[in-house]
Amino acid sequence: MDKQDNSINSYNHSIQLLERKNLVISGVKKIDNFDNKQFIIETIQGFMIVKGEGLELLKLDTIQGNVSIKGLVNSIVYAGDGNKKEKEESIFNRLFR
């Protein structure tokens, strides 16, 4: 599974939203939870919450890390810090200089 995570990490994270009805997300590690009103998605930049109405999962490509969602998108929010690991390393570097 580490090999798959490394291949996803080599891709960029992007969001394409067309007319608030078609959403394509790249750089996805996994989908934690979803229903017709909300998707909770782990991306290489942190957790993303997509809220809307009539949301449907159209396509999930776990190898390339791409997700396609159809439905009316009301909001896209990032939760947490996507660079947490880098910050933790920098704190340790400062402590042990």
PDB file of N, CA and C in Angstrom:
ATOM      1  N   MET A   1       0.806  -1.185   0.000  1.00  0.00           N
ATOM      2  CA  MET A   1       0.000   0.000   0.000  1.00  0.00           C
ATOM      3  C   MET A   1       0.857   1.260   0.000  1.00  0.00           C
ATOM      4  N   ASP A   2       2.056   1.189   0.592  1.00  0.00           N
ATOM      5  CA  ASP A   2       2.950   2.336   0.560  1.00  0.00           C
ATOM      6  C   ASP A   2       3.296   2.726  -0.864  1.00  0.00           C
ATOM      7  N   LYS A   3       3.457   1.717  -1.725  1.00  0.00           N
ATOM      8  CA  LYS A   3       3.792   1.992  -3.115  1.00  0.00           C
ATOM      9  C   LYS A   3       2.681   2.812  -3.776  1.00  0.00           C
ATOM     10  N   GLN A   4       1.431   2.478  -3.479  1.00  0.00           N
ATOM     11  CA  GLN A   4       0.309   3.219  -4.043  1.00  0.00           C
ATOM     12  C   GLN A   4       0.282   4.644  -3.494  1.00  0.00           C
ATOM     13  N   ASP A   5       0.509   4.831  -2.189  1.00  0.00           N
ATOM     14  CA  ASP A   5       0.539   6.171  -1.605  1.00  0.00           C
ATOM     15  C   ASP A   5       1.632   7.011  -2.236  1.00  0.00           C
ATOM     16  N   ASN A   6       2.805   6.409  -2.493  1.00  0.00           N
ATOM     17  CA  ASN A   6       3.899   7.149  -3.119  1.00  0.00           C
ATOM     18  C   ASN A   6       3.536   7.580  -4.529  1.00  0.00           C
ATOM     19  N   SER A   7       2.828   6.736  -5.286  1.00  0.00           N
ATOM     20  CA  SER A   7       2.460   7.118  -6.649  1.00  0.00           C
ATOM     21  C   SER A   7       1.439   8.237  -6.634  1.00  0.00           C
ATOM     22  N   ILE A   8       0.508   8.233  -5.679  1.00  0.00           N
ATOM     23  CA  ILE A   8      -0.464   9.317  -5.580  1.00  0.00           C
ATOM     24  C   ILE A   8       0.236  10.606  -5.161  1.00  0.00           C
ATOM     25  N   ASN A   9       1.195  10.528  -4.237  1.00  0.00           N
ATOM     26  CA  ASN A   9       1.895  11.719  -3.781  1.00  0.00           C
ATOM     27  C   ASN A   9       2.689  12.397  -4.877  1.00  0.00           C
ATOM     28  N   SER A  10       3.032  11.671  -5.930  1.00  0.00           N
ATOM     29  CA  SER A  10       3.804  12.265  -7.012  1.00  0.00           C
ATOM     30  C   SER A  10       2.923  13.107  -7.932  1.00  0.00           C
ATOM     31  N   TYR A  11       1.603  12.999  -7.791  1.00  0.00           N
ATOM     32  CA  TYR A  11       0.688  13.795  -8.607  1.00  0.00           C
ATOM     33  C   TYR A  11       0.351  15.097  -7.893  1.00  0.00           C
ATOM     34  N   ASN A  12      -0.074  16.074  -8.676  1.00  0.00           N
ATOM     35  CA  ASN A  12      -0.520  17.338  -8.128  1.00  0.00           C
ATOM     36  C   ASN A  12      -1.963  17.227  -7.685  1.00  0.00           C
ATOM     37  N   HIS A  13      -2.335  18.105  -6.795  1.00  0.00           N
ATOM     38  CA  HIS A  13      -3.721  18.172  -6.337  1.00  0.00           C
ATOM     39  C   HIS A  13      -4.403  19.313  -7.084  1.00  0.00           C
ATOM     40  N   SER A  14      -5.556  19.014  -7.678  1.00  0.00           N
ATOM     41  CA  SER A  14      -6.299  20.059  -8.378  1.00  0.00           C
ATOM     42  C   SER A  14      -7.793  19.793  -8.261  1.00  0.00           C
ATOM     43  N   ILE A  15      -8.550  20.864  -8.474  1.00  0.00           N
ATOM     44  CA  ILE A  15     -10.004  20.795  -8.443  1.00  0.00           C
ATOM     45  C   ILE A  15     -10.523  21.460  -9.706  1.00  0.00           C
ATOM     46  N   GLN A  16     -11.433  20.792 -10.390  1.00  0.00           N
ATOM     47  CA  GLN A  16     -12.113  21.374 -11.547  1.00  0.00           C
ATOM     48  C   GLN A  16     -13.604  21.309 -11.274  1.00  0.00           C
ATOM     49  N   LEU A  17     -14.261  22.459 -11.296  1.00  0.00           N
ATOM     50  CA  LEU A  17     -15.695  22.528 -11.048  1.00  0.00           C
ATOM     51  C   LEU A  17     -16.349  23.200 -12.244  1.00  0.00           C
ATOM     52  N   LEU A  18     -17.258  22.495 -12.890  1.00  0.00           N
ATOM     53  CA  LEU A  18     -17.939  23.003 -14.079  1.00  0.00           C
ATOM     54  C   LEU A  18     -19.397  23.263 -13.740  1.00  0.00           C
ATOM     55  N   GLU A  19     -19.782  24.528 -13.790  1.00  0.00           N
ATOM     56  CA  GLU A  19     -21.167  24.964 -13.562  1.00  0.00           C
ATOM     57  C   GLU A  19     -21.758  24.450 -12.254  1.00  0.00           C
ATOM     58  N   ARG A  20     -20.921  24.284 -11.227  1.00  0.00           N
ATOM     59  CA  ARG A  20     -21.336  23.800  -9.898  1.00  0.00           C
ATOM     60  C   ARG A  20     -21.998  22.435  -9.942  1.00  0.00           C
ATOM     61  N   LYS A  21     -21.879  21.704 -11.058  1.00  0.00           N
ATOM     62  CA  LYS A  21     -22.558  20.413 -11.185  1.00  0.00           C
ATOM     63  C   LYS A  21     -21.620  19.236 -11.402  1.00  0.00           C
ATOM     64  N   ASN A  22     -20.449  19.478 -11.928  1.00  0.00           N
ATOM     65  CA  ASN A  22     -19.482  18.409 -12.194  1.00  0.00           C
ATOM     66  C   ASN A  22     -18.157  18.776 -11.544  1.00  0.00           C
ATOM     67  N   LEU A  23     -17.716  17.935 -10.612  1.00  0.00           N
ATOM     68  CA  LEU A  23     -16.491  18.200  -9.856  1.00  0.00           C
ATOM     69  C   LEU A  23     -15.504  17.068 -10.107  1.00  0.00           C
ATOM     70  N   VAL A  24     -14.285  17.433 -10.487  1.00  0.00           N
ATOM     71  CA  VAL A  24     -13.205  16.461 -10.679  1.00  0.00           C
ATOM     72  C   VAL A  24     -12.065  16.868  -9.755  1.00  0.00           C
ATOM     73  N   ILE A  25     -11.611  15.933  -8.939  1.00  0.00           N
ATOM     74  CA  ILE A  25     -10.554  16.194  -7.965  1.00  0.00           C
ATOM     75  C   ILE A  25      -9.411  15.230  -8.231  1.00  0.00           C
ATOM     76  N   SER A  26      -8.192  15.746  -8.309  1.00  0.00           N
ATOM     77  CA  SER A  26      -7.010  14.880  -8.443  1.00  0.00           C
ATOM     78  C   SER A  26      -6.180  14.982  -7.165  1.00  0.00           C
ATOM     79  N   GLY A  27      -5.292  14.032  -6.968  1.00  0.00           N
ATOM     80  CA  GLY A  27      -4.475  13.999  -5.765  1.00  0.00           C
ATOM     81  C   GLY A  27      -5.239  13.450  -4.569  1.00  0.00           C
ATOM     82  N   VAL A  28      -6.189  12.560  -4.833  1.00  0.00           N
ATOM     83  CA  VAL A  28      -7.020  11.983  -3.772  1.00  0.00           C
ATOM     84  C   VAL A  28      -6.365  10.717  -3.235  1.00  0.00           C
ATOM     85  N   LYS A  29      -6.235  10.626  -1.927  1.00  0.00           N
ATOM     86  CA  LYS A  29      -5.726   9.411  -1.289  1.00  0.00           C
ATOM     87  C   LYS A  29      -6.851   8.423  -1.040  1.00  0.00           C
ATOM     88  N   LYS A  30      -7.961   8.921  -0.451  1.00  0.00           N
ATOM     89  CA  LYS A  30      -9.104   8.040  -0.207  1.00  0.00           C
ATOM     90  C   LYS A  30     -10.343   8.877   0.107  1.00  0.00           C
ATOM     91  N   ILE A  31     -11.495   8.248  -0.045  1.00  0.00           N
ATOM     92  CA  ILE A  31     -12.758   8.856   0.344  1.00  0.00           C
ATOM     93  C   ILE A  31     -13.126   8.241   1.693  1.00  0.00           C
ATOM     94  N   ASP A  32     -13.207   9.068   2.718  1.00  0.00           N
ATOM     95  CA  ASP A  32     -13.522   8.567   4.055  1.00  0.00           C
ATOM     96  C   ASP A  32     -15.003   8.260   4.219  1.00  0.00           C
ATOM     97  N   ASN A  33     -15.856   9.157   3.717  1.00  0.00           N
ATOM     98  CA  ASN A  33     -17.287   8.992   3.913  1.00  0.00           C
ATOM     99  C   ASN A  33     -18.009   9.826   2.866  1.00  0.00           C
ATOM    100  N   PHE A  34     -19.172   9.349   2.424  1.00  0.00           N
ATOM    101  CA  PHE A  34     -19.957  10.160   1.507  1.00  0.00           C
ATOM    102  C   PHE A  34     -21.408   9.744   1.507  1.00  0.00           C
ATOM    103  N   ASP A  35     -22.254  10.719   1.188  1.00  0.00           N
ATOM    104  CA  ASP A  35     -23.669  10.478   0.942  1.00  0.00           C
ATOM    105  C   ASP A  35     -24.123  11.519  -0.079  1.00  0.00           C
ATOM    106  N   ASN A  36     -25.426  11.683  -0.254  1.00  0.00           N
ATOM    107  CA  ASN A  36     -25.888  12.589  -1.305  1.00  0.00           C
ATOM    108  C   ASN A  36     -25.785  14.062  -0.922  1.00  0.00           C
ATOM    109  N   LYS A  37     -25.331  14.357   0.323  1.00  0.00           N
ATOM    110  CA  LYS A  37     -25.183  15.752   0.756  1.00  0.00           C
ATOM    111  C   LYS A  37     -23.755  16.142   1.085  1.00  0.00           C
ATOM    112  N   GLN A  38     -22.869  15.159   1.304  1.00  0.00           N
ATOM    113  CA  GLN A  38     -21.516  15.492   1.745  1.00  0.00           C
ATOM    114  C   GLN A  38     -20.518  14.397   1.392  1.00  0.00           C
ATOM    115  N   PHE A  39     -19.322  14.804   0.973  1.00  0.00           N
ATOM    116  CA  PHE A  39     -18.190  13.907   0.744  1.00  0.00           C
ATOM    117  C   PHE A  39     -17.053  14.356   1.658  1.00  0.00           C
ATOM    118  N   ILE A  40     -16.417  13.424   2.339  1.00  0.00           N
ATOM    119  CA  ILE A  40     -15.212  13.706   3.106  1.00  0.00           C
ATOM    120  C   ILE A  40     -14.082  12.957   2.421  1.00  0.00           C
ATOM    121  N   ILE A  41     -13.138  13.718   1.878  1.00  0.00           N
ATOM    122  CA  ILE A  41     -12.099  13.156   1.012  1.00  0.00           C
ATOM    123  C   ILE A  41     -10.729  13.505   1.569  1.00  0.00           C
ATOM    124  N   GLU A  42      -9.848  12.513   1.647  1.00  0.00           N
ATOM    125  CA  GLU A  42      -8.465  12.772   2.037  1.00  0.00           C
ATOM    126  C   GLU A  42      -7.641  12.987   0.771  1.00  0.00           C
ATOM    127  N   THR A  43      -7.035  14.167   0.649  1.00  0.00           N
ATOM    128  CA  THR A  43      -6.192  14.484  -0.497  1.00  0.00           C
ATOM    129  C   THR A  43      -4.745  14.622  -0.035  1.00  0.00           C
ATOM    130  N   ILE A  44      -3.853  14.792  -0.973  1.00  0.00           N
ATOM    131  CA  ILE A  44      -2.447  14.980  -0.613  1.00  0.00           C
ATOM    132  C   ILE A  44      -2.214  16.336   0.036  1.00  0.00           C
ATOM    133  N   GLN A  45      -3.203  17.227  -0.005  1.00  0.00           N
ATOM    134  CA  GLN A  45      -3.108  18.537   0.626  1.00  0.00           C
ATOM    135  C   GLN A  45      -3.932  18.629   1.907  1.00  0.00           C
ATOM    136  N   GLY A  46      -4.465  17.523   2.390  1.00  0.00           N
ATOM    137  CA  GLY A  46      -5.272  17.518   3.606  1.00  0.00           C
ATOM    138  C   GLY A  46      -6.682  17.036   3.316  1.00  0.00           C
ATOM    139  N   PHE A  47      -7.523  17.066   4.328  1.00  0.00           N
ATOM    140  CA  PHE A  47      -8.904  16.626   4.173  1.00  0.00           C
ATOM    141  C   PHE A  47      -9.738  17.713   3.517  1.00  0.00           C
ATOM    142  N   MET A  48     -10.650  17.279   2.660  1.00  0.00           N
ATOM    143  CA  MET A  48     -11.537  18.171   1.930  1.00  0.00           C
ATOM    144  C   MET A  48     -12.970  17.731   2.202  1.00  0.00           C
ATOM    145  N   ILE A  49     -13.832  18.706   2.452  1.00  0.00           N
ATOM    146  CA  ILE A  49     -15.249  18.425   2.650  1.00  0.00           C
ATOM    147  C   ILE A  49     -16.023  19.116   1.533  1.00  0.00           C
ATOM    148  N   VAL A  50     -16.759  18.330   0.767  1.00  0.00           N
ATOM    149  CA  VAL A  50     -17.589  18.843  -0.323  1.00  0.00           C
ATOM    150  C   VAL A  50     -19.036  18.690   0.114  1.00  0.00           C
ATOM    151  N   LYS A  51     -19.764  19.814   0.139  1.00  0.00           N
ATOM    152  CA  LYS A  51     -21.181  19.774   0.522  1.00  0.00           C
ATOM    153  C   LYS A  51     -22.032  20.220  -0.649  1.00  0.00           C
ATOM    154  N   GLY A  52     -23.217  19.624  -0.749  1.00  0.00           N
ATOM    155  CA  GLY A  52     -24.107  19.980  -1.832  1.00  0.00           C
ATOM    156  C   GLY A  52     -25.415  19.215  -1.755  1.00  0.00           C
ATOM    157  N   GLU A  53     -26.065  19.116  -2.901  1.00  0.00           N
ATOM    158  CA  GLU A  53     -27.347  18.437  -2.989  1.00  0.00           C
ATOM    159  C   GLU A  53     -27.303  17.438  -4.144  1.00  0.00           C
ATOM    160  N   GLY A  54     -27.820  16.241  -3.904  1.00  0.00           N
ATOM    161  CA  GLY A  54     -27.855  15.213  -4.941  1.00  0.00           C
ATOM    162  C   GLY A  54     -26.487  14.786  -5.418  1.00  0.00           C
ATOM    163  N   LEU A  55     -25.514  14.750  -4.523  1.00  0.00           N
ATOM    164  CA  LEU A  55     -24.143  14.388  -4.902  1.00  0.00           C
ATOM    165  C   LEU A  55     -24.045  12.886  -5.171  1.00  0.00           C
ATOM    166  N   GLU A  56     -23.368  12.540  -6.264  1.00  0.00           N
ATOM    167  CA  GLU A  56     -23.153  11.144  -6.652  1.00  0.00           C
ATOM    168  C   GLU A  56     -21.697  10.947  -7.039  1.00  0.00           C
ATOM    169  N   LEU A  57     -21.152   9.817  -6.672  1.00  0.00           N
ATOM    170  CA  LEU A  57     -19.805   9.441  -7.080  1.00  0.00           C
ATOM    171  C   LEU A  57     -19.884   8.856  -8.484  1.00  0.00           C
ATOM    172  N   LEU A  58     -19.275   9.538  -9.456  1.00  0.00           N
ATOM    173  CA  LEU A  58     -19.284   9.043 -10.838  1.00  0.00           C
ATOM    174  C   LEU A  58     -18.106   8.134 -11.119  1.00  0.00           C
ATOM    175  N   LYS A  59     -16.919   8.552 -10.646  1.00  0.00           N
ATOM    176  CA  LYS A  59     -15.705   7.804 -10.982  1.00  0.00           C
ATOM    177  C   LYS A  59     -14.727   7.894  -9.821  1.00  0.00           C
ATOM    178  N   LEU A  60     -14.111   6.764  -9.512  1.00  0.00           N
ATOM    179  CA  LEU A  60     -13.066   6.709  -8.498  1.00  0.00           C
ATOM    180  C   LEU A  60     -11.904   5.927  -9.076  1.00  0.00           C
ATOM    181  N   ASP A  61     -10.786   6.596  -9.280  1.00  0.00           N
ATOM    182  CA  ASP A  61      -9.568   5.965  -9.802  1.00  0.00           C
ATOM    183  C   ASP A  61      -8.531   5.981  -8.687  1.00  0.00           C
ATOM    184  N   THR A  62      -8.409   4.857  -7.981  1.00  0.00           N
ATOM    185  CA  THR A  62      -7.502   4.801  -6.838  1.00  0.00           C
ATOM    186  C   THR A  62      -6.034   4.757  -7.246  1.00  0.00           C
ATOM    187  N   ILE A  63      -5.744   4.327  -8.449  1.00  0.00           N
ATOM    188  CA  ILE A  63      -4.354   4.257  -8.904  1.00  0.00           C
ATOM    189  C   ILE A  63      -3.819   5.655  -9.212  1.00  0.00           C
ATOM    190  N   GLN A  64      -4.599   6.443  -9.921  1.00  0.00           N
ATOM    191  CA  GLN A  64      -4.165   7.800 -10.281  1.00  0.00           C
ATOM    192  C   GLN A  64      -4.581   8.838  -9.244  1.00  0.00           C
ATOM    193  N   GLY A  65      -5.531   8.481  -8.367  1.00  0.00           N
ATOM    194  CA  GLY A  65      -5.972   9.413  -7.337  1.00  0.00           C
ATOM    195  C   GLY A  65      -6.966  10.444  -7.837  1.00  0.00           C
ATOM    196  N   ASN A  66      -7.861  10.040  -8.738  1.00  0.00           N
ATOM    197  CA  ASN A  66      -8.858  10.951  -9.304  1.00  0.00           C
ATOM    198  C   ASN A  66     -10.258  10.548  -8.861  1.00  0.00           C
ATOM    199  N   VAL A  67     -11.100  11.572  -8.613  1.00  0.00           N
ATOM    200  CA  VAL A  67     -12.487  11.360  -8.227  1.00  0.00           C
ATOM    201  C   VAL A  67     -13.359  12.304  -9.038  1.00  0.00           C
ATOM    202  N   SER A  68     -14.491  11.800  -9.531  1.00  0.00           N
ATOM    203  CA  SER A  68     -15.484  12.630 -10.226  1.00  0.00           C
ATOM    204  C   SER A  68     -16.790  12.557  -9.456  1.00  0.00           C
ATOM    205  N   ILE A  69     -17.369  13.725  -9.190  1.00  0.00           N
ATOM    206  CA  ILE A  69     -18.614  13.832  -8.438  1.00  0.00           C
ATOM    207  C   ILE A  69     -19.604  14.648  -9.245  1.00  0.00           C
ATOM    208  N   LYS A  70     -20.857  14.190  -9.271  1.00  0.00           N
ATOM    209  CA  LYS A  70     -21.931  14.887  -9.974  1.00  0.00           C
ATOM    210  C   LYS A  70     -22.963  15.340  -8.945  1.00  0.00           C
ATOM    211  N   GLY A  71     -23.526  16.514  -9.140  1.00  0.00           N
ATOM    212  CA  GLY A  71     -24.549  17.058  -8.261  1.00  0.00           C
ATOM    213  C   GLY A  71     -24.292  18.537  -8.031  1.00  0.00           C
ATOM    214  N   LEU A  72     -25.210  19.211  -7.355  1.00  0.00           N
ATOM    215  CA  LEU A  72     -25.062  20.638  -7.086  1.00  0.00           C
ATOM    216  C   LEU A  72     -24.097  20.847  -5.928  1.00  0.00           C
ATOM    217  N   VAL A  73     -22.961  21.489  -6.204  1.00  0.00           N
ATOM    218  CA  VAL A  73     -21.929  21.727  -5.192  1.00  0.00           C
ATOM    219  C   VAL A  73     -22.178  23.082  -4.542  1.00  0.00           C
ATOM    220  N   ASN A  74     -22.353  23.076  -3.216  1.00  0.00           N
ATOM    221  CA  ASN A  74     -22.564  24.315  -2.468  1.00  0.00           C
ATOM    222  C   ASN A  74     -21.295  24.838  -1.826  1.00  0.00           C
ATOM    223  N   SER A  75     -20.403  23.927  -1.399  1.00  0.00           N
ATOM    224  CA  SER A  75     -19.156  24.389  -0.774  1.00  0.00           C
ATOM    225  C   SER A  75     -18.075  23.327  -0.872  1.00  0.00           C
ATOM    226  N   ILE A  76     -16.841  23.823  -0.885  1.00  0.00           N
ATOM    227  CA  ILE A  76     -15.647  22.978  -0.830  1.00  0.00           C
ATOM    228  C   ILE A  76     -14.755  23.601   0.241  1.00  0.00           C
ATOM    229  N   VAL A  77     -14.463  22.825   1.288  1.00  0.00           N
ATOM    230  CA  VAL A  77     -13.693  23.345   2.414  1.00  0.00           C
ATOM    231  C   VAL A  77     -12.583  22.367   2.748  1.00  0.00           C
ATOM    232  N   TYR A  78     -11.391  22.899   3.057  1.00  0.00           N
ATOM    233  CA  TYR A  78     -10.296  22.067   3.543  1.00  0.00           C
ATOM    234  C   TYR A  78     -10.320  22.076   5.064  1.00  0.00           C
ATOM    235  N   ALA A  79     -10.213  20.904   5.642  1.00  0.00           N
ATOM    236  CA  ALA A  79     -10.180  20.768   7.100  1.00  0.00           C
ATOM    237  C   ALA A  79      -8.809  20.260   7.497  1.00  0.00           C
ATOM    238  N   GLY A  80      -8.192  20.895   8.448  1.00  0.00           N
ATOM    239  CA  GLY A  80      -6.872  20.468   8.878  1.00  0.00           C
ATOM    240  C   GLY A  80      -5.791  21.097   8.034  1.00  0.00           C
ATOM    241  N   ASP A  81      -4.571  20.650   8.272  1.00  0.00           N
ATOM    242  CA  ASP A  81      -3.403  21.226   7.617  1.00  0.00           C
ATOM    243  C   ASP A  81      -2.751  20.192   6.717  1.00  0.00           C
ATOM    244  N   GLY A  82      -2.662  20.466   5.437  1.00  0.00           N
ATOM    245  CA  GLY A  82      -2.058  19.550   4.489  1.00  0.00           C
ATOM    246  C   GLY A  82      -0.567  19.395   4.643  1.00  0.00           C
ATOM    247  N   ASN A  83       0.103  20.369   5.293  1.00  0.00           N
ATOM    248  CA  ASN A  83       1.558  20.320   5.459  1.00  0.00           C
ATOM    249  C   ASN A  83       1.946  19.987   6.890  1.00  0.00           C
ATOM    250  N   LYS A  84       1.104  19.242   7.594  1.00  0.00           N
ATOM    251  CA  LYS A  84       1.351  18.926   8.992  1.00  0.00           C
ATOM    252  C   LYS A  84       2.675  18.185   9.181  1.00  0.00           C
ATOM    253  N   LYS A  85       2.962  17.232   8.319  1.00  0.00           N
ATOM    254  CA  LYS A  85       4.190  16.444   8.449  1.00  0.00           C
ATOM    255  C   LYS A  85       5.420  17.339   8.307  1.00  0.00           C
ATOM    256  N   GLU A  86       5.391  18.252   7.332  1.00  0.00           N
ATOM    257  CA  GLU A  86       6.517  19.158   7.140  1.00  0.00           C
ATOM    258  C   GLU A  86       6.701  20.051   8.354  1.00  0.00           C
ATOM    259  N   LYS A  87       5.615  20.536   8.959  1.00  0.00           N
ATOM    260  CA  LYS A  87       5.711  21.389  10.146  1.00  0.00           C
ATOM    261  C   LYS A  87       6.264  20.613  11.324  1.00  0.00           C
ATOM    262  N   GLU A  88       5.820  19.350  11.505  1.00  0.00           N
ATOM    263  CA  GLU A  88       6.332  18.541  12.599  1.00  0.00           C
ATOM    264  C   GLU A  88       7.835  18.332  12.440  1.00  0.00           C
ATOM    265  N   GLU A  89       8.279  18.069  11.235  1.00  0.00           N
ATOM    266  CA  GLU A  89       9.709  17.882  11.006  1.00  0.00           C
ATOM    267  C   GLU A  89      10.482  19.158  11.302  1.00  0.00           C
ATOM    268  N   SER A  90       9.938  20.306  10.923  1.00  0.00           N
ATOM    269  CA  SER A  90      10.659  21.552  11.159  1.00  0.00           C
ATOM    270  C   SER A  90      10.733  21.857  12.660  1.00  0.00           C
ATOM    271  N   ILE A  91       9.701  21.474  13.433  1.00  0.00           N
ATOM    272  CA  ILE A  91       9.743  21.680  14.876  1.00  0.00           C
ATOM    273  C   ILE A  91      10.843  20.822  15.487  1.00  0.00           C
ATOM    274  N   PHE A  92      10.931  19.560  15.051  1.00  0.00           N
ATOM    275  CA  PHE A  92      11.987  18.695  15.559  1.00  0.00           C
ATOM    276  C   PHE A  92      13.367  19.209  15.155  1.00  0.00           C
ATOM    277  N   ASN A  93      13.500  19.717  13.960  1.00  0.00           N
ATOM    278  CA  ASN A  93      14.777  20.275  13.522  1.00  0.00           C
ATOM    279  C   ASN A  93      15.188  21.455  14.390  1.00  0.00           C
ATOM    280  N   ARG A  94      14.231  22.286  14.773  1.00  0.00           N
ATOM    281  CA  ARG A  94      14.543  23.446  15.626  1.00  0.00           C
ATOM    282  C   ARG A  94      14.954  23.002  17.025  1.00  0.00           C
ATOM    283  N   LEU A  95      14.306  21.975  17.551  1.00  0.00           N
ATOM    284  CA  LEU A  95      14.624  21.514  18.890  1.00  0.00           C
ATOM    285  C   LEU A  95      16.018  20.903  18.986  1.00  0.00           C
ATOM    286  N   PHE A  96      16.436  20.234  17.933  1.00  0.00           N
ATOM    287  CA  PHE A  96      17.694  19.492  17.989  1.00  0.00           C
ATOM    288  C   PHE A  96      18.814  20.140  17.192  1.00  0.00           C
ATOM    289  N   ARG A  97      18.826  21.434  17.118  1.00  0.00           N
ATOM    290  CA  ARG A  97      19.921  22.145  16.417  1.00  0.00           C
ATOM    291  C   ARG A  97      21.146  22.207  17.256  1.00  0.00           C
TER     292      ARG A  97
END
